[in-house]
Amino acid sequence: MTAPPRKPPDGSASTKHILCVEDDQDNREVLALLLVLKGYEVTTAHTMQDALSMAKCRAFDLYLLDRKL
């Protein structure tokens, strides 16, 4: 899932893009929504394997990982 970007929280021209990796769907959706509301572009992944595939295709500014994944 990729959420549409909103205005960056610091008012700069570029939106920071975050990859959120979380196996629990509810947690993943809530975290993505909160980050989008704060102005970040968010891509989510269900598994670490999915996240690694996504990271090979593009660079992210931040990776948020479920440590018990």
Protein backbone atom coordinates (compact mmCIF):
# COMPACT_ATOMS: atom_id res chain seq x y z
CA MET A 1 0.00 0.00 0.00
CA THR A 2 1.27 3.43 -0.89
CA ALA A 3 -0.56 6.37 0.62
CA PRO A 4 -0.75 9.65 -1.27
CA PRO A 5 1.77 12.25 -0.14
CA ARG A 6 0.70 15.34 1.74
CA LYS A 7 2.55 18.54 2.56
CA PRO A 8 5.76 17.77 4.49
CA PRO A 9 5.55 18.53 8.23
CA ASP A 10 8.47 20.97 8.07
CA GLY A 11 7.08 22.87 5.06
CA SER A 12 9.97 21.82 2.80
CA ALA A 13 9.48 21.01 -0.88
CA SER A 14 10.18 17.29 -0.63
CA THR A 15 8.07 14.70 1.16
CA LYS A 16 9.94 12.15 3.23
CA HIS A 17 9.10 8.57 2.24
CA ILE A 18 8.81 5.93 4.97
CA LEU A 19 8.69 2.17 4.54
CA CYS A 20 6.66 0.65 7.36
CA VAL A 21 7.08 -3.11 7.88
CA GLU A 22 4.46 -4.67 10.14
CA ASP A 23 2.88 -8.12 9.98
CA ASP A 24 -0.30 -7.13 11.85
CA GLN A 25 -2.66 -5.50 9.34
CA ASP A 26 -4.46 -3.28 11.87
CA ASN A 27 -1.19 -1.93 13.30
CA ARG A 28 0.19 -1.40 9.81
CA GLU A 29 -2.87 0.56 8.67
CA VAL A 30 -3.06 2.71 11.81
CA LEU A 31 0.64 3.57 11.68
CA ALA A 32 0.45 4.39 7.96
CA LEU A 33 -2.58 6.63 8.51
CA LEU A 34 -0.93 8.52 11.37
CA LEU A 35 2.21 9.10 9.31
CA VAL A 36 0.23 10.25 6.27
CA LEU A 37 -1.72 12.69 8.44
CA LYS A 38 1.64 14.08 9.59
CA GLY A 39 2.58 14.69 5.95
CA TYR A 40 4.76 11.71 5.11
CA GLU A 41 4.55 9.46 2.08
CA VAL A 42 4.16 5.90 3.37
CA THR A 43 4.67 2.51 1.78
CA THR A 44 3.79 -0.56 3.81
CA ALA A 45 5.01 -4.13 3.69
CA HIS A 46 3.60 -7.24 5.38
CA THR A 47 6.83 -9.24 5.48
CA MET A 48 10.54 -8.55 5.65
CA GLN A 49 10.91 -10.25 2.27
CA ASP A 50 8.41 -7.80 0.74
CA ALA A 51 10.25 -4.91 2.37
CA LEU A 52 13.60 -6.02 0.98
CA SER A 53 12.13 -6.27 -2.51
CA MET A 54 10.71 -2.74 -2.18
CA ALA A 55 13.99 -1.38 -0.84
CA LYS A 56 15.83 -2.75 -3.88
CA CYS A 57 13.52 -0.76 -6.17
CA ARG A 58 13.77 2.62 -4.44
CA ALA A 59 15.39 4.42 -1.55
CA PHE A 60 13.38 5.34 1.52
CA ASP A 61 14.17 8.09 4.00
CA LEU A 62 13.20 5.95 6.97
CA TYR A 63 12.47 2.28 7.65
CA LEU A 64 10.12 1.38 10.50
CA LEU A 65 10.35 -2.31 11.37
CA ASP A 66 8.35 -4.56 13.67
CA ARG A 67 11.13 -6.02 15.82
CA LYS A 68 9.19 -9.25 16.44
CA LEU A 69 8.46 -9.79 12.76
